[in-house]
């Protein structure tokens, strides 16, 4: 190898390897001010499209919900309770709790 080849190899920039720190950066941290200014808020979804919201429960938790809600009413019970809590509707939460069937 000539001295010129060795010098060229030393000057080559090392390849950047993605690190865990790079992977944990939030997209907002990487966004520039110009692109943030061009982003407009999304309009509310009024399509009434039905989507799935899944929960992972222990078998005993699932059984307790089914027992409280009654036969075939567990999904509507959980949906009503979750929406009332999300909206801060304590009256609706109390009403749901009053209608729960005691096993």
PDB file of N, CA and C in Angstrom:
ATOM      1  N   UNK A   1       0.841  -1.185   0.000  1.00  0.00           N
ATOM      2  CA  UNK A   1       0.000   0.000   0.000  1.00  0.00           C
ATOM      3  C   UNK A   1       0.881   1.241   0.000  1.00  0.00           C
ATOM      4  N   UNK A   2       0.462   2.214  -0.732  1.00  0.00           N
ATOM      5  CA  UNK A   2       1.242   3.443  -0.765  1.00  0.00           C
ATOM      6  C   UNK A   2       0.815   4.347   0.382  1.00  0.00           C
ATOM      7  N   UNK A   3       1.606   5.344   0.644  1.00  0.00           N
ATOM      8  CA  UNK A   3       1.303   6.288   1.718  1.00  0.00           C
ATOM      9  C   UNK A   3       0.034   7.059   1.405  1.00  0.00           C
ATOM     10  N   UNK A   4      -0.205   7.323   0.124  1.00  0.00           N
ATOM     11  CA  UNK A   4      -1.398   8.059  -0.282  1.00  0.00           C
ATOM     12  C   UNK A   4      -2.668   7.249   0.019  1.00  0.00           C
ATOM     13  N   UNK A   5      -2.648   5.936  -0.215  1.00  0.00           N
ATOM     14  CA  UNK A   5      -3.803   5.080   0.048  1.00  0.00           C
ATOM     15  C   UNK A   5      -4.111   5.027   1.533  1.00  0.00           C
ATOM     16  N   UNK A   6      -3.071   4.921   2.373  1.00  0.00           N
ATOM     17  CA  UNK A   6      -3.268   4.896   3.819  1.00  0.00           C
ATOM     18  C   UNK A   6      -3.886   6.197   4.299  1.00  0.00           C
ATOM     19  N   UNK A   7      -3.422   7.319   3.748  1.00  0.00           N
ATOM     20  CA  UNK A   7      -3.941   8.616   4.149  1.00  0.00           C
ATOM     21  C   UNK A   7      -5.419   8.746   3.775  1.00  0.00           C
ATOM     22  N   UNK A   8      -5.807   8.262   2.602  1.00  0.00           N
ATOM     23  CA  UNK A   8      -7.191   8.319   2.154  1.00  0.00           C
ATOM     24  C   UNK A   8      -8.075   7.474   3.059  1.00  0.00           C
ATOM     25  N   UNK A   9      -7.599   6.318   3.460  1.00  0.00           N
ATOM     26  CA  UNK A   9      -8.384   5.454   4.326  1.00  0.00           C
ATOM     27  C   UNK A   9      -8.595   6.080   5.700  1.00  0.00           C
ATOM     28  N   UNK A  10      -7.593   6.780   6.212  1.00  0.00           N
ATOM     29  CA  UNK A  10      -7.729   7.421   7.517  1.00  0.00           C
ATOM     30  C   UNK A  10      -8.740   8.557   7.472  1.00  0.00           C
ATOM     31  N   UNK A  11      -8.810   9.266   6.351  1.00  0.00           N
ATOM     32  CA  UNK A  11      -9.701  10.416   6.250  1.00  0.00           C
ATOM     33  C   UNK A  11     -11.156  10.025   6.026  1.00  0.00           C
ATOM     34  N   UNK A  12     -11.412   8.798   5.617  1.00  0.00           N
ATOM     35  CA  UNK A  12     -12.792   8.360   5.392  1.00  0.00           C
ATOM     36  C   UNK A  12     -13.561   8.414   6.714  1.00  0.00           C
ATOM     37  N   UNK A  13     -14.718   9.024   6.667  1.00  0.00           N
ATOM     38  CA  UNK A  13     -15.530   9.166   7.883  1.00  0.00           C
ATOM     39  C   UNK A  13     -16.079   7.807   8.287  1.00  0.00           C
ATOM     40  N   UNK A  14     -16.087   7.520   9.581  1.00  0.00           N
ATOM     41  CA  UNK A  14     -16.635   6.238  10.029  1.00  0.00           C
ATOM     42  C   UNK A  14     -18.143   6.208   9.779  1.00  0.00           C
ATOM     43  N   UNK A  15     -18.659   5.026   9.459  1.00  0.00           N
ATOM     44  CA  UNK A  15     -20.095   4.887   9.230  1.00  0.00           C
ATOM     45  C   UNK A  15     -20.829   5.033  10.549  1.00  0.00           C
ATOM     46  N   UNK A  16     -21.950   5.750  10.503  1.00  0.00           N
ATOM     47  CA  UNK A  16     -22.731   5.937  11.719  1.00  0.00           C
ATOM     48  C   UNK A  16     -23.612   4.722  11.933  1.00  0.00           C
ATOM     49  N   UNK A  17     -23.536   4.167  13.102  1.00  0.00           N
ATOM     50  CA  UNK A  17     -24.355   3.025  13.474  1.00  0.00           C
ATOM     51  C   UNK A  17     -25.492   3.534  14.337  1.00  0.00           C
ATOM     52  N   UNK A  18     -26.707   3.106  14.013  1.00  0.00           N
ATOM     53  CA  UNK A  18     -27.869   3.531  14.794  1.00  0.00           C
ATOM     54  C   UNK A  18     -27.737   2.999  16.215  1.00  0.00           C
ATOM     55  N   UNK A  19     -27.953   3.877  17.164  1.00  0.00           N
ATOM     56  CA  UNK A  19     -27.874   3.484  18.558  1.00  0.00           C
ATOM     57  C   UNK A  19     -29.262   3.460  19.159  1.00  0.00           C
ATOM     58  N   UNK A  20     -29.373   2.890  20.334  1.00  0.00           N
ATOM     59  CA  UNK A  20     -30.660   2.837  21.032  1.00  0.00           C
ATOM     60  C   UNK A  20     -31.168   4.255  21.310  1.00  0.00           C
ATOM     61  N   UNK A  21     -30.240   5.161  21.583  1.00  0.00           N
ATOM     62  CA  UNK A  21     -30.617   6.543  21.862  1.00  0.00           C
ATOM     63  C   UNK A  21     -31.288   7.170  20.643  1.00  0.00           C
ATOM     64  N   UNK A  22     -30.756   6.879  19.432  1.00  0.00           N
ATOM     65  CA  UNK A  22     -31.348   7.404  18.210  1.00  0.00           C
ATOM     66  C   UNK A  22     -32.746   6.844  17.992  1.00  0.00           C
ATOM     67  N   UNK A  23     -32.935   5.578  18.320  1.00  0.00           N
ATOM     68  CA  UNK A  23     -34.210   4.923  18.084  1.00  0.00           C
ATOM     69  C   UNK A  23     -35.292   5.441  19.021  1.00  0.00           C
ATOM     70  N   UNK A  24     -34.915   5.956  20.186  1.00  0.00           N
ATOM     71  CA  UNK A  24     -35.916   6.405  21.148  1.00  0.00           C
ATOM     72  C   UNK A  24     -36.313   7.866  20.962  1.00  0.00           C
ATOM     73  N   UNK A  25     -35.708   8.543  19.990  1.00  0.00           N
ATOM     74  CA  UNK A  25     -36.081   9.937  19.758  1.00  0.00           C
ATOM     75  C   UNK A  25     -37.505  10.001  19.253  1.00  0.00           C
ATOM     76  N   UNK A  26     -38.238  10.936  19.751  1.00  0.00           N
ATOM     77  CA  UNK A  26     -39.612  11.118  19.339  1.00  0.00           C
ATOM     78  C   UNK A  26     -39.621  11.884  18.019  1.00  0.00           C
ATOM     79  N   UNK A  27     -40.600  11.610  17.150  1.00  0.00           N
ATOM     80  CA  UNK A  27     -40.670  12.339  15.887  1.00  0.00           C
ATOM     81  C   UNK A  27     -40.756  13.849  16.089  1.00  0.00           C
ATOM     82  N   UNK A  28     -41.399  14.290  17.149  1.00  0.00           N
ATOM     83  CA  UNK A  28     -41.510  15.729  17.404  1.00  0.00           C
ATOM     84  C   UNK A  28     -40.143  16.343  17.663  1.00  0.00           C
ATOM     85  N   UNK A  29     -39.218  15.570  18.266  1.00  0.00           N
ATOM     86  CA  UNK A  29     -37.880  16.081  18.509  1.00  0.00           C
ATOM     87  C   UNK A  29     -37.125  16.290  17.210  1.00  0.00           C
ATOM     88  N   UNK A  30     -37.443  15.513  16.196  1.00  0.00           N
ATOM     89  CA  UNK A  30     -36.730  15.580  14.939  1.00  0.00           C
ATOM     90  C   UNK A  30     -37.396  16.533  13.956  1.00  0.00           C
ATOM     91  N   UNK A  31     -38.573  17.029  14.269  1.00  0.00           N
ATOM     92  CA  UNK A  31     -39.318  17.895  13.381  1.00  0.00           C
ATOM     93  C   UNK A  31     -38.716  19.295  13.355  1.00  0.00           C
ATOM     94  N   UNK A  32     -38.662  19.903  12.203  1.00  0.00           N
ATOM     95  CA  UNK A  32     -38.157  21.265  12.114  1.00  0.00           C
ATOM     96  C   UNK A  32     -39.307  22.233  12.332  1.00  0.00           C
ATOM     97  N   UNK A  33     -38.967  23.461  12.618  1.00  0.00           N
ATOM     98  CA  UNK A  33     -39.991  24.478  12.854  1.00  0.00           C
ATOM     99  C   UNK A  33     -40.824  24.711  11.608  1.00  0.00           C
ATOM    100  N   UNK A  34     -40.197  24.682  10.447  1.00  0.00           N
ATOM    101  CA  UNK A  34     -40.919  24.918   9.198  1.00  0.00           C
ATOM    102  C   UNK A  34     -41.957  23.832   8.952  1.00  0.00           C
ATOM    103  N   UNK A  35     -41.578  22.572   9.172  1.00  0.00           N
ATOM    104  CA  UNK A  35     -42.552  21.499   8.934  1.00  0.00           C
ATOM    105  C   UNK A  35     -43.642  21.508   9.994  1.00  0.00           C
ATOM    106  N   UNK A  36     -43.335  21.937  11.200  1.00  0.00           N
ATOM    107  CA  UNK A  36     -44.346  22.017  12.254  1.00  0.00           C
ATOM    108  C   UNK A  36     -45.365  23.097  11.920  1.00  0.00           C
ATOM    109  N   UNK A  37     -44.930  24.178  11.291  1.00  0.00           N
ATOM    110  CA  UNK A  37     -45.832  25.259  10.928  1.00  0.00           C
ATOM    111  C   UNK A  37     -46.778  24.837   9.813  1.00  0.00           C
ATOM    112  N   UNK A  38     -46.340  23.926   8.943  1.00  0.00           N
ATOM    113  CA  UNK A  38     -47.168  23.470   7.829  1.00  0.00           C
ATOM    114  C   UNK A  38     -48.173  22.409   8.236  1.00  0.00           C
ATOM    115  N   UNK A  39     -48.035  21.842   9.417  1.00  0.00           N
ATOM    116  CA  UNK A  39     -48.936  20.796   9.870  1.00  0.00           C
ATOM    117  C   UNK A  39     -50.201  21.414  10.430  1.00  0.00           C
ATOM    118  N   UNK A  40     -51.336  20.987   9.884  1.00  0.00           N
ATOM    119  CA  UNK A  40     -52.601  21.500  10.394  1.00  0.00           C
ATOM    120  C   UNK A  40     -53.266  20.402  11.215  1.00  0.00           C
ATOM    121  N   UNK A  41     -54.056  20.773  12.205  1.00  0.00           N
ATOM    122  CA  UNK A  41     -54.722  19.753  13.033  1.00  0.00           C
ATOM    123  C   UNK A  41     -55.707  18.955  12.176  1.00  0.00           C
ATOM    124  N   UNK A  42     -55.832  17.675  12.504  1.00  0.00           N
ATOM    125  CA  UNK A  42     -56.753  16.823  11.760  1.00  0.00           C
ATOM    126  C   UNK A  42     -58.189  17.125  12.174  1.00  0.00           C
ATOM    127  N   UNK A  43     -59.098  17.134  11.212  1.00  0.00           N
ATOM    128  CA  UNK A  43     -60.502  17.359  11.567  1.00  0.00           C
ATOM    129  C   UNK A  43     -61.030  16.161  12.332  1.00  0.00           C
ATOM    130  N   UNK A  44     -62.057  16.358  13.140  1.00  0.00           N
ATOM    131  CA  UNK A  44     -62.618  15.234  13.898  1.00  0.00           C
ATOM    132  C   UNK A  44     -63.159  14.170  12.946  1.00  0.00           C
ATOM    133  N   UNK A  45     -63.084  12.927  13.379  1.00  0.00           N
ATOM    134  CA  UNK A  45     -63.559  11.813  12.579  1.00  0.00           C
ATOM    135  C   UNK A  45     -65.070  11.682  12.748  1.00  0.00           C
ATOM    136  N   UNK A  46     -65.792  11.982  11.692  1.00  0.00           N
ATOM    137  CA  UNK A  46     -67.241  11.882  11.764  1.00  0.00           C
ATOM    138  C   UNK A  46     -67.774  10.785  10.842  1.00  0.00           C
ATOM    139  N   UNK A  47     -66.911   9.837  10.516  1.00  0.00           N
ATOM    140  CA  UNK A  47     -67.304   8.778   9.598  1.00  0.00           C
ATOM    141  C   UNK A  47     -68.155   7.709  10.268  1.00  0.00           C
ATOM    142  N   UNK A  48     -68.180   7.687  11.582  1.00  0.00           N
ATOM    143  CA  UNK A  48     -68.911   6.681  12.351  1.00  0.00           C
ATOM    144  C   UNK A  48     -68.452   5.263  12.033  1.00  0.00           C
ATOM    145  N   UNK A  49     -67.212   5.139  11.580  1.00  0.00           N
ATOM    146  CA  UNK A  49     -66.652   3.826  11.293  1.00  0.00           C
ATOM    147  C   UNK A  49     -66.418   3.086  12.606  1.00  0.00           C
ATOM    148  N   UNK A  50     -66.801   1.850  12.660  1.00  0.00           N
ATOM    149  CA  UNK A  50     -66.611   1.036  13.850  1.00  0.00           C
ATOM    150  C   UNK A  50     -65.211   0.446  13.804  1.00  0.00           C
ATOM    151  N   UNK A  51     -64.463   0.606  14.894  1.00  0.00           N
ATOM    152  CA  UNK A  51     -63.108   0.077  14.997  1.00  0.00           C
ATOM    153  C   UNK A  51     -63.006  -0.792  16.243  1.00  0.00           C
ATOM    154  N   UNK A  52     -61.910  -1.513  16.361  1.00  0.00           N
ATOM    155  CA  UNK A  52     -61.710  -2.418  17.492  1.00  0.00           C
ATOM    156  C   UNK A  52     -60.769  -1.791  18.499  1.00  0.00           C
ATOM    157  N   UNK A  53     -61.116  -1.881  19.768  1.00  0.00           N
ATOM    158  CA  UNK A  53     -60.263  -1.453  20.871  1.00  0.00           C
ATOM    159  C   UNK A  53     -60.122  -2.667  21.771  1.00  0.00           C
ATOM    160  N   UNK A  54     -58.939  -3.254  21.797  1.00  0.00           N
ATOM    161  CA  UNK A  54     -58.745  -4.509  22.525  1.00  0.00           C
ATOM    162  C   UNK A  54     -58.084  -4.277  23.876  1.00  0.00           C
ATOM    163  N   UNK A  55     -58.458  -5.102  24.828  1.00  0.00           N
ATOM    164  CA  UNK A  55     -57.862  -5.076  26.162  1.00  0.00           C
ATOM    165  C   UNK A  55     -57.366  -6.473  26.490  1.00  0.00           C
ATOM    166  N   UNK A  56     -56.271  -6.544  27.205  1.00  0.00           N
ATOM    167  CA  UNK A  56     -55.789  -7.829  27.688  1.00  0.00           C
ATOM    168  C   UNK A  56     -56.166  -7.934  29.161  1.00  0.00           C
ATOM    169  N   UNK A  57     -56.873  -8.984  29.496  1.00  0.00           N
ATOM    170  CA  UNK A  57     -57.351  -9.191  30.850  1.00  0.00           C
ATOM    171  C   UNK A  57     -56.962 -10.577  31.326  1.00  0.00           C
ATOM    172  N   UNK A  58     -56.896 -10.710  32.620  1.00  0.00           N
ATOM    173  CA  UNK A  58     -56.770 -12.041  33.197  1.00  0.00           C
ATOM    174  C   UNK A  58     -58.134 -12.702  33.072  1.00  0.00           C
ATOM    175  N   UNK A  59     -58.146 -14.007  33.049  1.00  0.00           N
ATOM    176  CA  UNK A  59     -59.402 -14.748  32.928  1.00  0.00           C
ATOM    177  C   UNK A  59     -60.362 -14.363  34.051  1.00  0.00           C
ATOM    178  N   UNK A  60     -59.841 -14.196  35.258  1.00  0.00           N
ATOM    179  CA  UNK A  60     -60.699 -13.848  36.398  1.00  0.00           C
ATOM    180  C   UNK A  60     -61.302 -12.450  36.237  1.00  0.00           C
ATOM    181  N   UNK A  61     -60.545 -11.526  35.644  1.00  0.00           N
ATOM    182  CA  UNK A  61     -61.072 -10.174  35.402  1.00  0.00           C
ATOM    183  C   UNK A  61     -62.194 -10.226  34.368  1.00  0.00           C
ATOM    184  N   UNK A  62     -61.966 -10.992  33.304  1.00  0.00           N
ATOM    185  CA  UNK A  62     -62.992 -11.142  32.269  1.00  0.00           C
ATOM    186  C   UNK A  62     -64.259 -11.744  32.858  1.00  0.00           C
ATOM    187  N   UNK A  63     -64.092 -12.758  33.681  1.00  0.00           N
ATOM    188  CA  UNK A  63     -65.254 -13.417  34.282  1.00  0.00           C
ATOM    189  C   UNK A  63     -66.011 -12.465  35.211  1.00  0.00           C
ATOM    190  N   UNK A  64     -65.274 -11.615  35.926  1.00  0.00           N
ATOM    191  CA  UNK A  64     -65.915 -10.640  36.819  1.00  0.00           C
ATOM    192  C   UNK A  64     -66.726  -9.622  36.023  1.00  0.00           C
ATOM    193  N   UNK A  65     -66.212  -9.198  34.883  1.00  0.00           N
ATOM    194  CA  UNK A  65     -66.941  -8.252  34.032  1.00  0.00           C
ATOM    195  C   UNK A  65     -68.206  -8.903  33.491  1.00  0.00           C
ATOM    196  N   UNK A  66     -68.089 -10.133  33.015  1.00  0.00           N
ATOM    197  CA  UNK A  66     -69.263 -10.844  32.505  1.00  0.00           C
ATOM    198  C   UNK A  66     -70.308 -11.045  33.602  1.00  0.00           C
ATOM    199  N   UNK A  67     -69.851 -11.361  34.799  1.00  0.00           N
ATOM    200  CA  UNK A  67     -70.785 -11.566  35.904  1.00  0.00           C
ATOM    201  C   UNK A  67     -71.493 -10.258  36.277  1.00  0.00           C
ATOM    202  N   UNK A  68     -70.781  -9.154  36.255  1.00  0.00           N
ATOM    203  CA  UNK A  68     -71.363  -7.859  36.621  1.00  0.00           C
ATOM    204  C   UNK A  68     -72.316  -7.345  35.551  1.00  0.00           C
ATOM    205  N   UNK A  69     -71.947  -7.527  34.285  1.00  0.00           N
ATOM    206  CA  UNK A  69     -72.736  -6.967  33.193  1.00  0.00           C
ATOM    207  C   UNK A  69     -73.958  -7.796  32.863  1.00  0.00           C
ATOM    208  N   UNK A  70     -73.872  -9.073  33.060  1.00  0.00           N
ATOM    209  CA  UNK A  70     -74.986  -9.943  32.688  1.00  0.00           C
ATOM    210  C   UNK A  70     -74.706 -10.615  31.361  1.00  0.00           C
ATOM    211  N   UNK A  71     -75.534 -11.554  31.043  1.00  0.00           N
ATOM    212  CA  UNK A  71     -75.354 -12.374  29.851  1.00  0.00           C
ATOM    213  C   UNK A  71     -75.395 -11.532  28.572  1.00  0.00           C
ATOM    214  N   UNK A  72     -74.311 -11.600  27.804  1.00  0.00           N
ATOM    215  CA  UNK A  72     -74.251 -10.925  26.509  1.00  0.00           C
ATOM    216  C   UNK A  72     -74.154  -9.418  26.548  1.00  0.00           C
ATOM    217  N   UNK A  73     -73.864  -8.851  27.692  1.00  0.00           N
ATOM    218  CA  UNK A  73     -73.826  -7.385  27.797  1.00  0.00           C
ATOM    219  C   UNK A  73     -72.460  -6.844  28.222  1.00  0.00           C
ATOM    220  N   UNK A  74     -71.444  -7.681  28.259  1.00  0.00           N
ATOM    221  CA  UNK A  74     -70.142  -7.256  28.775  1.00  0.00           C
ATOM    222  C   UNK A  74     -69.502  -6.172  27.918  1.00  0.00           C
ATOM    223  N   UNK A  75     -69.555  -6.325  26.596  1.00  0.00           N
ATOM    224  CA  UNK A  75     -68.921  -5.333  25.727  1.00  0.00           C
ATOM    225  C   UNK A  75     -69.575  -3.965  25.852  1.00  0.00           C
ATOM    226  N   UNK A  76     -70.903  -3.925  25.840  1.00  0.00           N
ATOM    227  CA  UNK A  76     -71.586  -2.629  25.955  1.00  0.00           C
ATOM    228  C   UNK A  76     -71.374  -2.029  27.348  1.00  0.00           C
ATOM    229  N   UNK A  77     -71.284  -2.872  28.364  1.00  0.00           N
ATOM    230  CA  UNK A  77     -71.003  -2.407  29.724  1.00  0.00           C
ATOM    231  C   UNK A  77     -69.627  -1.731  29.797  1.00  0.00           C
ATOM    232  N   UNK A  78     -68.605  -2.416  29.276  1.00  0.00           N
ATOM    233  CA  UNK A  78     -67.243  -1.880  29.317  1.00  0.00           C
ATOM    234  C   UNK A  78     -67.149  -0.620  28.461  1.00  0.00           C
ATOM    235  N   UNK A  79     -67.771  -0.622  27.287  1.00  0.00           N
ATOM    236  CA  UNK A  79     -67.737   0.545  26.400  1.00  0.00           C
ATOM    237  C   UNK A  79     -68.380   1.754  27.077  1.00  0.00           C
ATOM    238  N   UNK A  80     -69.562   1.563  27.667  1.00  0.00           N
ATOM    239  CA  UNK A  80     -70.265   2.670  28.321  1.00  0.00           C
ATOM    240  C   UNK A  80     -69.464   3.212  29.498  1.00  0.00           C
ATOM    241  N   UNK A  81     -68.901   2.310  30.286  1.00  0.00           N
ATOM    242  CA  UNK A  81     -68.119   2.733  31.443  1.00  0.00           C
ATOM    243  C   UNK A  81     -66.851   3.473  31.031  1.00  0.00           C
ATOM    244  N   UNK A  82     -66.167   2.964  30.018  1.00  0.00           N
ATOM    245  CA  UNK A  82     -64.924   3.596  29.548  1.00  0.00           C
ATOM    246  C   UNK A  82     -65.201   4.976  28.953  1.00  0.00           C
ATOM    247  N   UNK A  83     -66.248   5.091  28.154  1.00  0.00           N
ATOM    248  CA  UNK A  83     -66.585   6.393  27.559  1.00  0.00           C
ATOM    249  C   UNK A  83     -67.011   7.403  28.617  1.00  0.00           C
ATOM    250  N   UNK A  84     -67.791   6.961  29.594  1.00  0.00           N
ATOM    251  CA  UNK A  84     -68.210   7.863  30.668  1.00  0.00           C
ATOM    252  C   UNK A  84     -66.994   8.350  31.448  1.00  0.00           C
ATOM    253  N   UNK A  85     -66.057   7.462  31.719  1.00  0.00           N
ATOM    254  CA  UNK A  85     -64.845   7.857  32.440  1.00  0.00           C
ATOM    255  C   UNK A  85     -63.993   8.803  31.601  1.00  0.00           C
ATOM    256  N   UNK A  86     -63.881   8.532  30.312  1.00  0.00           N
ATOM    257  CA  UNK A  86     -63.078   9.386  29.428  1.00  0.00           C
ATOM    258  C   UNK A  86     -63.665  10.794  29.319  1.00  0.00           C
ATOM    259  N   UNK A  87     -64.979  10.891  29.389  1.00  0.00           N
ATOM    260  CA  UNK A  87     -65.649  12.183  29.281  1.00  0.00           C
ATOM    261  C   UNK A  87     -65.845  12.861  30.632  1.00  0.00           C
ATOM    262  N   UNK A  88     -65.444  12.185  31.701  1.00  0.00           N
ATOM    263  CA  UNK A  88     -65.587  12.750  33.037  1.00  0.00           C
ATOM    264  C   UNK A  88     -67.033  12.823  33.500  1.00  0.00           C
ATOM    265  N   UNK A  89     -67.866  11.950  32.995  1.00  0.00           N
ATOM    266  CA  UNK A  89     -69.292  11.947  33.311  1.00  0.00           C
ATOM    267  C   UNK A  89     -69.546  11.070  34.537  1.00  0.00           C
ATOM    268  N   UNK A  90     -69.418  11.657  35.719  1.00  0.00           N
ATOM    269  CA  UNK A  90     -69.568  10.885  36.956  1.00  0.00           C
ATOM    270  C   UNK A  90     -71.004  10.408  37.168  1.00  0.00           C
ATOM    271  N   UNK A  91     -71.971  11.171  36.672  1.00  0.00           N
ATOM    272  CA  UNK A  91     -73.366  10.740  36.801  1.00  0.00           C
ATOM    273  C   UNK A  91     -73.597   9.444  36.035  1.00  0.00           C
ATOM    274  N   UNK A  92     -73.054   9.361  34.837  1.00  0.00           N
ATOM    275  CA  UNK A  92     -73.211   8.144  34.040  1.00  0.00           C
ATOM    276  C   UNK A  92     -72.493   6.969  34.693  1.00  0.00           C
ATOM    277  N   UNK A  93     -71.333   7.234  35.258  1.00  0.00           N
ATOM    278  CA  UNK A  93     -70.583   6.169  35.939  1.00  0.00           C
ATOM    279  C   UNK A  93     -71.392   5.641  37.124  1.00  0.00           C
ATOM    280  N   UNK A  94     -71.965   6.547  37.906  1.00  0.00           N
ATOM    281  CA  UNK A  94     -72.782   6.130  39.055  1.00  0.00           C
ATOM    282  C   UNK A  94     -73.996   5.338  38.599  1.00  0.00           C
ATOM    283  N   UNK A  95     -74.632   5.771  37.504  1.00  0.00           N
ATOM    284  CA  UNK A  95     -75.801   5.067  36.981  1.00  0.00           C
ATOM    285  C   UNK A  95     -75.416   3.653  36.532  1.00  0.00           C
ATOM    286  N   UNK A  96     -74.290   3.522  35.857  1.00  0.00           N
ATOM    287  CA  UNK A  96     -73.813   2.205  35.419  1.00  0.00           C
ATOM    288  C   UNK A  96     -73.531   1.325  36.621  1.00  0.00           C
ATOM    289  N   UNK A  97     -72.909   1.904  37.636  1.00  0.00           N
ATOM    290  CA  UNK A  97     -72.591   1.128  38.845  1.00  0.00           C
ATOM    291  C   UNK A  97     -73.858   0.674  39.562  1.00  0.00           C
ATOM    292  N   UNK A  98     -74.900   1.496  39.541  1.00  0.00           N
ATOM    293  CA  UNK A  98     -76.167   1.131  40.183  1.00  0.00           C
ATOM    294  C   UNK A  98     -76.868  -0.013  39.461  1.00  0.00           C
ATOM    295  N   UNK A  99     -76.671  -0.088  38.146  1.00  0.00           N
ATOM    296  CA  UNK A  99     -77.358  -1.116  37.367  1.00  0.00           C
ATOM    297  C   UNK A  99     -76.592  -2.433  37.297  1.00  0.00           C
ATOM    298  N   UNK A 100     -75.391  -2.466  37.858  1.00  0.00           N
ATOM    299  CA  UNK A 100     -74.585  -3.688  37.829  1.00  0.00           C
ATOM    300  C   UNK A 100     -75.305  -4.769  38.635  1.00  0.00           C
ATOM    301  N   UNK A 101     -75.398  -5.908  38.031  1.00  0.00           N
ATOM    302  CA  UNK A 101     -76.058  -7.038  38.697  1.00  0.00           C
ATOM    303  C   UNK A 101     -75.065  -7.696  39.649  1.00  0.00           C
ATOM    304  N   UNK A 102     -75.470  -7.842  40.882  1.00  0.00           N
ATOM    305  CA  UNK A 102     -74.622  -8.520  41.872  1.00  0.00           C
ATOM    306  C   UNK A 102     -74.782 -10.022  41.700  1.00  0.00           C
ATOM    307  N   UNK A 103     -73.661 -10.702  41.614  1.00  0.00           N
ATOM    308  CA  UNK A 103     -73.711 -12.170  41.416  1.00  0.00           C
ATOM    309  C   UNK A 103     -73.931 -12.883  42.720  1.00  0.00           C
TER     310      UNK A 103
END
